[in-house]
Amino acid sequence: MDRSEHLNGFTFEQPGVYRIRVLGELDQEWSGRLGGMSITVQKKEGRTPITFLDGPLRDQAELMGTLSSLYEFHMAILSVECLSKD
């Protein structure tokens, strides 16, 4: 198998639409630093807020950059989901 190939024809170089969930609350102003992803915060009484980041990313490198930024913000990453490939 070629290094760039993955199951279902997905490759590291192609764009995809992702949903990333993190524990805690991120302000909308961070969208630009996070690949332009939309930011939605879910708050439930008595629980720590969960932030959802949704949107397209150019490739796996941009995904890793976004995850690295979240790490720098000390955000606990709960999940990363590829919703579709472009």
PDB file of N, CA and C in Angstrom:
ATOM      1  N   MET A   1       0.849  -1.172   0.000  1.00  0.00           N
ATOM      2  CA  MET A   1       0.000   0.000   0.000  1.00  0.00           C
ATOM      3  C   MET A   1       0.894   1.235   0.000  1.00  0.00           C
ATOM      4  N   ASP A   2       0.593   2.192  -0.845  1.00  0.00           N
ATOM      5  CA  ASP A   2       1.312   3.458  -0.915  1.00  0.00           C
ATOM      6  C   ASP A   2       1.150   4.212   0.403  1.00  0.00           C
ATOM      7  N   ARG A   3       2.189   4.945   0.823  1.00  0.00           N
ATOM      8  CA  ARG A   3       2.130   5.690   2.092  1.00  0.00           C
ATOM      9  C   ARG A   3       0.957   6.649   2.168  1.00  0.00           C
ATOM     10  N   SER A   4       0.541   7.204   1.033  1.00  0.00           N
ATOM     11  CA  SER A   4      -0.542   8.190   1.047  1.00  0.00           C
ATOM     12  C   SER A   4      -1.928   7.561   1.010  1.00  0.00           C
ATOM     13  N   GLU A   5      -2.006   6.249   0.834  1.00  0.00           N
ATOM     14  CA  GLU A   5      -3.310   5.598   0.771  1.00  0.00           C
ATOM     15  C   GLU A   5      -3.804   5.207   2.160  1.00  0.00           C
ATOM     16  N   HIS A   6      -5.087   5.163   2.279  1.00  0.00           N
ATOM     17  CA  HIS A   6      -5.723   4.768   3.525  1.00  0.00           C
ATOM     18  C   HIS A   6      -6.998   4.039   3.154  1.00  0.00           C
ATOM     19  N   LEU A   7      -7.645   3.438   4.102  1.00  0.00           N
ATOM     20  CA  LEU A   7      -8.905   2.748   3.844  1.00  0.00           C
ATOM     21  C   LEU A   7      -9.910   3.674   3.178  1.00  0.00           C
ATOM     22  N   ASN A   8     -10.765   3.119   2.366  1.00  0.00           N
ATOM     23  CA  ASN A   8     -11.830   3.839   1.673  1.00  0.00           C
ATOM     24  C   ASN A   8     -11.315   4.920   0.735  1.00  0.00           C
ATOM     25  N   GLY A   9     -10.065   4.808   0.264  1.00  0.00           N
ATOM     26  CA  GLY A   9      -9.536   5.758  -0.693  1.00  0.00           C
ATOM     27  C   GLY A   9      -9.136   7.096  -0.116  1.00  0.00           C
ATOM     28  N   PHE A  10      -9.126   7.243   1.176  1.00  0.00           N
ATOM     29  CA  PHE A  10      -8.751   8.507   1.806  1.00  0.00           C
ATOM     30  C   PHE A  10      -7.227   8.646   1.788  1.00  0.00           C
ATOM     31  N   THR A  11      -6.750   9.824   1.446  1.00  0.00           N
ATOM     32  CA  THR A  11      -5.313  10.062   1.461  1.00  0.00           C
ATOM     33  C   THR A  11      -4.989  11.236   2.375  1.00  0.00           C
ATOM     34  N   PHE A  12      -3.736  11.309   2.793  1.00  0.00           N
ATOM     35  CA  PHE A  12      -3.298  12.377   3.690  1.00  0.00           C
ATOM     36  C   PHE A  12      -3.308  13.742   3.007  1.00  0.00           C
ATOM     37  N   GLU A  13      -3.237  13.764   1.681  1.00  0.00           N
ATOM     38  CA  GLU A  13      -3.123  15.025   0.954  1.00  0.00           C
ATOM     39  C   GLU A  13      -4.462  15.653   0.589  1.00  0.00           C
ATOM     40  N   GLN A  14      -5.557  14.963   0.793  1.00  0.00           N
ATOM     41  CA  GLN A  14      -6.827  15.509   0.335  1.00  0.00           C
ATOM     42  C   GLN A  14      -7.586  16.216   1.450  1.00  0.00           C
ATOM     43  N   PRO A  15      -8.438  17.164   1.059  1.00  0.00           N
ATOM     44  CA  PRO A  15      -9.229  17.892   2.057  1.00  0.00           C
ATOM     45  C   PRO A  15     -10.322  17.022   2.666  1.00  0.00           C
ATOM     46  N   GLY A  16     -10.791  17.446   3.815  1.00  0.00           N
ATOM     47  CA  GLY A  16     -11.885  16.758   4.485  1.00  0.00           C
ATOM     48  C   GLY A  16     -12.619  17.731   5.391  1.00  0.00           C
ATOM     49  N   VAL A  17     -13.801  17.343   5.782  1.00  0.00           N
ATOM     50  CA  VAL A  17     -14.596  18.128   6.737  1.00  0.00           C
ATOM     51  C   VAL A  17     -14.507  17.404   8.071  1.00  0.00           C
ATOM     52  N   TYR A  18     -14.114  18.131   9.098  1.00  0.00           N
ATOM     53  CA  TYR A  18     -13.841  17.529  10.402  1.00  0.00           C
ATOM     54  C   TYR A  18     -14.710  18.127  11.498  1.00  0.00           C
ATOM     55  N   ARG A  19     -14.901  17.334  12.536  1.00  0.00           N
ATOM     56  CA  ARG A  19     -15.506  17.796  13.798  1.00  0.00           C
ATOM     57  C   ARG A  19     -14.543  17.392  14.907  1.00  0.00           C
ATOM     58  N   ILE A  20     -14.126  18.388  15.672  1.00  0.00           N
ATOM     59  CA  ILE A  20     -13.219  18.164  16.789  1.00  0.00           C
ATOM     60  C   ILE A  20     -13.950  18.615  18.049  1.00  0.00           C
ATOM     61  N   ARG A  21     -13.962  17.759  19.066  1.00  0.00           N
ATOM     62  CA  ARG A  21     -14.581  18.109  20.356  1.00  0.00           C
ATOM     63  C   ARG A  21     -13.489  18.262  21.396  1.00  0.00           C
ATOM     64  N   VAL A  22     -13.544  19.365  22.148  1.00  0.00           N
ATOM     65  CA  VAL A  22     -12.573  19.590  23.213  1.00  0.00           C
ATOM     66  C   VAL A  22     -13.303  19.954  24.502  1.00  0.00           C
ATOM     67  N   LEU A  23     -12.668  19.611  25.602  1.00  0.00           N
ATOM     68  CA  LEU A  23     -13.229  19.927  26.917  1.00  0.00           C
ATOM     69  C   LEU A  23     -12.866  21.363  27.254  1.00  0.00           C
ATOM     70  N   GLY A  24     -13.851  22.146  27.585  1.00  0.00           N
ATOM     71  CA  GLY A  24     -13.630  23.548  27.918  1.00  0.00           C
ATOM     72  C   GLY A  24     -14.259  24.454  26.877  1.00  0.00           C
ATOM     73  N   GLU A  25     -14.073  25.745  27.076  1.00  0.00           N
ATOM     74  CA  GLU A  25     -14.736  26.733  26.232  1.00  0.00           C
ATOM     75  C   GLU A  25     -13.724  27.570  25.469  1.00  0.00           C
ATOM     76  N   LEU A  26     -13.907  27.625  24.153  1.00  0.00           N
ATOM     77  CA  LEU A  26     -13.086  28.478  23.287  1.00  0.00           C
ATOM     78  C   LEU A  26     -13.958  29.609  22.752  1.00  0.00           C
ATOM     79  N   ASP A  27     -13.410  30.799  22.729  1.00  0.00           N
ATOM     80  CA  ASP A  27     -14.096  31.968  22.199  1.00  0.00           C
ATOM     81  C   ASP A  27     -14.040  31.966  20.671  1.00  0.00           C
ATOM     82  N   GLN A  28     -15.007  32.593  20.032  1.00  0.00           N
ATOM     83  CA  GLN A  28     -15.066  32.673  18.573  1.00  0.00           C
ATOM     84  C   GLN A  28     -13.815  33.312  17.960  1.00  0.00           C
ATOM     85  N   GLU A  29     -13.139  34.166  18.709  1.00  0.00           N
ATOM     86  CA  GLU A  29     -11.955  34.856  18.172  1.00  0.00           C
ATOM     87  C   GLU A  29     -10.829  33.896  17.806  1.00  0.00           C
ATOM     88  N   TRP A  30     -10.871  32.660  18.274  1.00  0.00           N
ATOM     89  CA  TRP A  30      -9.820  31.693  17.981  1.00  0.00           C
ATOM     90  C   TRP A  30     -10.034  30.958  16.658  1.00  0.00           C
ATOM     91  N   SER A  31     -11.144  31.198  15.998  1.00  0.00           N
ATOM     92  CA  SER A  31     -11.452  30.500  14.752  1.00  0.00           C
ATOM     93  C   SER A  31     -10.344  30.644  13.708  1.00  0.00           C
ATOM     94  N   GLY A  32      -9.810  31.833  13.542  1.00  0.00           N
ATOM     95  CA  GLY A  32      -8.760  32.069  12.558  1.00  0.00           C
ATOM     96  C   GLY A  32      -7.513  31.252  12.811  1.00  0.00           C
ATOM     97  N   ARG A  33      -7.168  31.080  14.060  1.00  0.00           N
ATOM     98  CA  ARG A  33      -5.978  30.294  14.400  1.00  0.00           C
ATOM     99  C   ARG A  33      -6.235  28.793  14.293  1.00  0.00           C
ATOM    100  N   LEU A  34      -7.501  28.425  14.207  1.00  0.00           N
ATOM    101  CA  LEU A  34      -7.880  27.013  14.146  1.00  0.00           C
ATOM    102  C   LEU A  34      -8.424  26.648  12.768  1.00  0.00           C
ATOM    103  N   GLY A  35      -7.773  27.111  11.728  1.00  0.00           N
ATOM    104  CA  GLY A  35      -8.130  26.751  10.359  1.00  0.00           C
ATOM    105  C   GLY A  35      -9.443  27.337   9.880  1.00  0.00           C
ATOM    106  N   GLY A  36      -9.974  28.348  10.579  1.00  0.00           N
ATOM    107  CA  GLY A  36     -11.243  28.948  10.182  1.00  0.00           C
ATOM    108  C   GLY A  36     -12.454  28.113  10.537  1.00  0.00           C
ATOM    109  N   MET A  37     -12.260  27.108  11.372  1.00  0.00           N
ATOM    110  CA  MET A  37     -13.368  26.233  11.746  1.00  0.00           C
ATOM    111  C   MET A  37     -14.399  27.003  12.570  1.00  0.00           C
ATOM    112  N   SER A  38     -15.668  26.613  12.422  1.00  0.00           N
ATOM    113  CA  SER A  38     -16.708  27.236  13.237  1.00  0.00           C
ATOM    114  C   SER A  38     -16.611  26.687  14.659  1.00  0.00           C
ATOM    115  N   ILE A  39     -16.920  27.534  15.616  1.00  0.00           N
ATOM    116  CA  ILE A  39     -16.804  27.181  17.032  1.00  0.00           C
ATOM    117  C   ILE A  39     -18.185  27.258  17.674  1.00  0.00           C
ATOM    118  N   THR A  40     -18.596  26.158  18.281  1.00  0.00           N
ATOM    119  CA  THR A  40     -19.869  26.094  19.001  1.00  0.00           C
ATOM    120  C   THR A  40     -19.591  25.530  20.390  1.00  0.00           C
ATOM    121  N   VAL A  41     -20.108  26.204  21.406  1.00  0.00           N
ATOM    122  CA  VAL A  41     -19.892  25.758  22.787  1.00  0.00           C
ATOM    123  C   VAL A  41     -21.202  25.205  23.332  1.00  0.00           C
ATOM    124  N   GLN A  42     -21.112  24.001  23.891  1.00  0.00           N
ATOM    125  CA  GLN A  42     -22.271  23.357  24.517  1.00  0.00           C
ATOM    126  C   GLN A  42     -22.081  23.431  26.027  1.00  0.00           C
ATOM    127  N   LYS A  43     -23.049  24.058  26.690  1.00  0.00           N
ATOM    128  CA  LYS A  43     -22.978  24.187  28.147  1.00  0.00           C
ATOM    129  C   LYS A  43     -24.155  23.450  28.767  1.00  0.00           C
ATOM    130  N   LYS A  44     -23.832  22.654  29.787  1.00  0.00           N
ATOM    131  CA  LYS A  44     -24.860  21.969  30.570  1.00  0.00           C
ATOM    132  C   LYS A  44     -24.608  22.286  32.030  1.00  0.00           C
ATOM    133  N   GLU A  45     -25.676  22.537  32.738  1.00  0.00           N
ATOM    134  CA  GLU A  45     -25.563  22.915  34.147  1.00  0.00           C
ATOM    135  C   GLU A  45     -24.774  21.878  34.940  1.00  0.00           C
ATOM    136  N   GLY A  46     -23.796  22.346  35.687  1.00  0.00           N
ATOM    137  CA  GLY A  46     -23.009  21.474  36.538  1.00  0.00           C
ATOM    138  C   GLY A  46     -21.915  20.702  35.817  1.00  0.00           C
ATOM    139  N   ARG A  47     -21.711  20.974  34.523  1.00  0.00           N
ATOM    140  CA  ARG A  47     -20.687  20.260  33.751  1.00  0.00           C
ATOM    141  C   ARG A  47     -19.741  21.247  33.082  1.00  0.00           C
ATOM    142  N   THR A  48     -18.551  20.772  32.800  1.00  0.00           N
ATOM    143  CA  THR A  48     -17.591  21.573  32.059  1.00  0.00           C
ATOM    144  C   THR A  48     -18.092  21.723  30.626  1.00  0.00           C
ATOM    145  N   PRO A  49     -18.029  22.941  30.070  1.00  0.00           N
ATOM    146  CA  PRO A  49     -18.477  23.123  28.681  1.00  0.00           C
ATOM    147  C   PRO A  49     -17.664  22.259  27.711  1.00  0.00           C
ATOM    148  N   ILE A  50     -18.274  21.929  26.585  1.00  0.00           N
ATOM    149  CA  ILE A  50     -17.605  21.220  25.494  1.00  0.00           C
ATOM    150  C   ILE A  50     -17.673  22.105  24.260  1.00  0.00           C
ATOM    151  N   THR A  51     -16.536  22.284  23.610  1.00  0.00           N
ATOM    152  CA  THR A  51     -16.471  23.087  22.395  1.00  0.00           C
ATOM    153  C   THR A  51     -16.386  22.164  21.190  1.00  0.00           C
ATOM    154  N   PHE A  52     -17.200  22.472  20.170  1.00  0.00           N
ATOM    155  CA  PHE A  52     -17.196  21.744  18.906  1.00  0.00           C
ATOM    156  C   PHE A  52     -16.569  22.642  17.848  1.00  0.00           C
ATOM    157  N   LEU A  53     -15.592  22.121  17.142  1.00  0.00           N
ATOM    158  CA  LEU A  53     -14.977  22.809  16.013  1.00  0.00           C
ATOM    159  C   LEU A  53     -15.376  22.036  14.770  1.00  0.00           C
ATOM    160  N   ASP A  54     -16.037  22.697  13.835  1.00  0.00           N
ATOM    161  CA  ASP A  54     -16.506  22.047  12.617  1.00  0.00           C
ATOM    162  C   ASP A  54     -16.033  22.827  11.398  1.00  0.00           C
ATOM    163  N   GLY A  55     -15.602  22.074  10.371  1.00  0.00           N
ATOM    164  CA  GLY A  55     -15.269  22.743   9.133  1.00  0.00           C
ATOM    165  C   GLY A  55     -14.265  21.988   8.291  1.00  0.00           C
ATOM    166  N   PRO A  56     -14.051  22.527   7.093  1.00  0.00           N
ATOM    167  CA  PRO A  56     -13.117  21.882   6.169  1.00  0.00           C
ATOM    168  C   PRO A  56     -11.667  22.228   6.505  1.00  0.00           C
ATOM    169  N   LEU A  57     -10.800  21.246   6.309  1.00  0.00           N
ATOM    170  CA  LEU A  57      -9.358  21.452   6.428  1.00  0.00           C
ATOM    171  C   LEU A  57      -8.722  20.905   5.154  1.00  0.00           C
ATOM    172  N   ARG A  58      -7.655  21.574   4.695  1.00  0.00           N
ATOM    173  CA  ARG A  58      -7.034  21.245   3.400  1.00  0.00           C
ATOM    174  C   ARG A  58      -6.458  19.847   3.326  1.00  0.00           C
ATOM    175  N   ASP A  59      -5.876  19.393   4.440  1.00  0.00           N
ATOM    176  CA  ASP A  59      -5.209  18.091   4.434  1.00  0.00           C
ATOM    177  C   ASP A  59      -4.862  17.711   5.869  1.00  0.00           C
ATOM    178  N   GLN A  60      -4.189  16.580   6.020  1.00  0.00           N
ATOM    179  CA  GLN A  60      -3.823  16.104   7.356  1.00  0.00           C
ATOM    180  C   GLN A  60      -2.838  17.046   8.041  1.00  0.00           C
ATOM    181  N   ALA A  61      -1.991  17.723   7.268  1.00  0.00           N
ATOM    182  CA  ALA A  61      -1.043  18.670   7.866  1.00  0.00           C
ATOM    183  C   ALA A  61      -1.796  19.817   8.554  1.00  0.00           C
ATOM    184  N   GLU A  62      -2.838  20.330   7.899  1.00  0.00           N
ATOM    185  CA  GLU A  62      -3.626  21.396   8.521  1.00  0.00           C
ATOM    186  C   GLU A  62      -4.374  20.870   9.743  1.00  0.00           C
ATOM    187  N   LEU A  63      -4.859  19.623   9.677  1.00  0.00           N
ATOM    188  CA  LEU A  63      -5.500  19.006  10.838  1.00  0.00           C
ATOM    189  C   LEU A  63      -4.516  18.941  12.008  1.00  0.00           C
ATOM    190  N   MET A  64      -3.299  18.493  11.737  1.00  0.00           N
ATOM    191  CA  MET A  64      -2.292  18.395  12.804  1.00  0.00           C
ATOM    192  C   MET A  64      -1.945  19.773  13.368  1.00  0.00           C
ATOM    193  N   GLY A  65      -1.888  20.785  12.520  1.00  0.00           N
ATOM    194  CA  GLY A  65      -1.641  22.144  13.000  1.00  0.00           C
ATOM    195  C   GLY A  65      -2.749  22.633  13.914  1.00  0.00           C
ATOM    196  N   THR A  66      -3.995  22.308  13.559  1.00  0.00           N
ATOM    197  CA  THR A  66      -5.138  22.685  14.386  1.00  0.00           C
ATOM    198  C   THR A  66      -5.079  21.966  15.731  1.00  0.00           C
ATOM    199  N   LEU A  67      -4.767  20.672  15.708  1.00  0.00           N
ATOM    200  CA  LEU A  67      -4.664  19.904  16.954  1.00  0.00           C
ATOM    201  C   LEU A  67      -3.498  20.422  17.808  1.00  0.00           C
ATOM    202  N   SER A  68      -2.406  20.815  17.185  1.00  0.00           N
ATOM    203  CA  SER A  68      -1.259  21.373  17.921  1.00  0.00           C
ATOM    204  C   SER A  68      -1.642  22.680  18.601  1.00  0.00           C
ATOM    205  N   SER A  69      -2.425  23.509  17.900  1.00  0.00           N
ATOM    206  CA  SER A  69      -2.885  24.766  18.502  1.00  0.00           C
ATOM    207  C   SER A  69      -3.744  24.494  19.720  1.00  0.00           C
ATOM    208  N   LEU A  70      -4.634  23.509  19.626  1.00  0.00           N
ATOM    209  CA  LEU A  70      -5.470  23.148  20.776  1.00  0.00           C
ATOM    210  C   LEU A  70      -4.612  22.671  21.938  1.00  0.00           C
ATOM    211  N   TYR A  71      -3.563  21.929  21.637  1.00  0.00           N
ATOM    212  CA  TYR A  71      -2.624  21.469  22.669  1.00  0.00           C
ATOM    213  C   TYR A  71      -1.959  22.671  23.344  1.00  0.00           C
ATOM    214  N   GLU A  72      -1.551  23.652  22.534  1.00  0.00           N
ATOM    215  CA  GLU A  72      -0.926  24.862  23.083  1.00  0.00           C
ATOM    216  C   GLU A  72      -1.884  25.640  23.978  1.00  0.00           C
ATOM    217  N   PHE A  73      -3.189  25.569  23.679  1.00  0.00           N
ATOM    218  CA  PHE A  73      -4.208  26.234  24.500  1.00  0.00           C
ATOM    219  C   PHE A  73      -4.541  25.419  25.752  1.00  0.00           C
ATOM    220  N   HIS A  74      -3.916  24.249  25.914  1.00  0.00           N
ATOM    221  CA  HIS A  74      -4.166  23.330  27.031  1.00  0.00           C
ATOM    222  C   HIS A  74      -5.607  22.828  27.039  1.00  0.00           C
ATOM    223  N   MET A  75      -6.125  22.540  25.827  1.00  0.00           N
ATOM    224  CA  MET A  75      -7.478  22.004  25.693  1.00  0.00           C
ATOM    225  C   MET A  75      -7.389  20.483  25.601  1.00  0.00           C
ATOM    226  N   ALA A  76      -8.201  19.791  26.363  1.00  0.00           N
ATOM    227  CA  ALA A  76      -8.256  18.324  26.296  1.00  0.00           C
ATOM    228  C   ALA A  76      -9.099  17.921  25.088  1.00  0.00           C
ATOM    229  N   ILE A  77      -8.490  17.197  24.159  1.00  0.00           N
ATOM    230  CA  ILE A  77      -9.189  16.767  22.949  1.00  0.00           C
ATOM    231  C   ILE A  77      -9.987  15.510  23.271  1.00  0.00           C
ATOM    232  N   LEU A  78     -11.301  15.583  23.062  1.00  0.00           N
ATOM    233  CA  LEU A  78     -12.192  14.469  23.339  1.00  0.00           C
ATOM    234  C   LEU A  78     -12.360  13.561  22.134  1.00  0.00           C
ATOM    235  N   SER A  79     -12.459  14.157  20.935  1.00  0.00           N
ATOM    236  CA  SER A  79     -12.612  13.342  19.728  1.00  0.00           C
ATOM    237  C   SER A  79     -12.266  14.152  18.490  1.00  0.00           C
ATOM    238  N   VAL A  80     -11.879  13.426  17.453  1.00  0.00           N
ATOM    239  CA  VAL A  80     -11.648  13.995  16.126  1.00  0.00           C
ATOM    240  C   VAL A  80     -12.373  13.078  15.157  1.00  0.00           C
ATOM    241  N   GLU A  81     -13.244  13.654  14.348  1.00  0.00           N
ATOM    242  CA  GLU A  81     -14.033  12.850  13.424  1.00  0.00           C
ATOM    243  C   GLU A  81     -13.970  13.462  12.031  1.00  0.00           C
ATOM    244  N   CYS A  82     -13.685  12.641  11.040  1.00  0.00           N
ATOM    245  CA  CYS A  82     -13.742  13.071   9.648  1.00  0.00           C
ATOM    246  C   CYS A  82     -15.186  12.841   9.182  1.00  0.00           C
ATOM    247  N   LEU A  83     -15.905  13.924   8.919  1.00  0.00           N
ATOM    248  CA  LEU A  83     -17.313  13.808   8.526  1.00  0.00           C
ATOM    249  C   LEU A  83     -17.454  13.464   7.059  1.00  0.00           C
ATOM    250  N   SER A  84     -16.550  13.977   6.232  1.00  0.00           N
ATOM    251  CA  SER A  84     -16.559  13.643   4.810  1.00  0.00           C
ATOM    252  C   SER A  84     -15.228  14.045   4.193  1.00  0.00           C
ATOM    253  N   LYS A  85     -14.918  13.432   3.084  1.00  0.00           N
ATOM    254  CA  LYS A  85     -13.745  13.849   2.328  1.00  0.00           C
ATOM    255  C   LYS A  85     -14.233  14.597   1.114  1.00  0.00           C
ATOM    256  N   ASP A  86     -13.529  15.647   0.749  1.00  0.00           N
ATOM    257  CA  ASP A  86     -13.945  16.452  -0.406  1.00  0.00           C
ATOM    258  C   ASP A  86     -13.498  15.823  -1.696  1.00  0.00           C
TER     259      ASP A  86
END
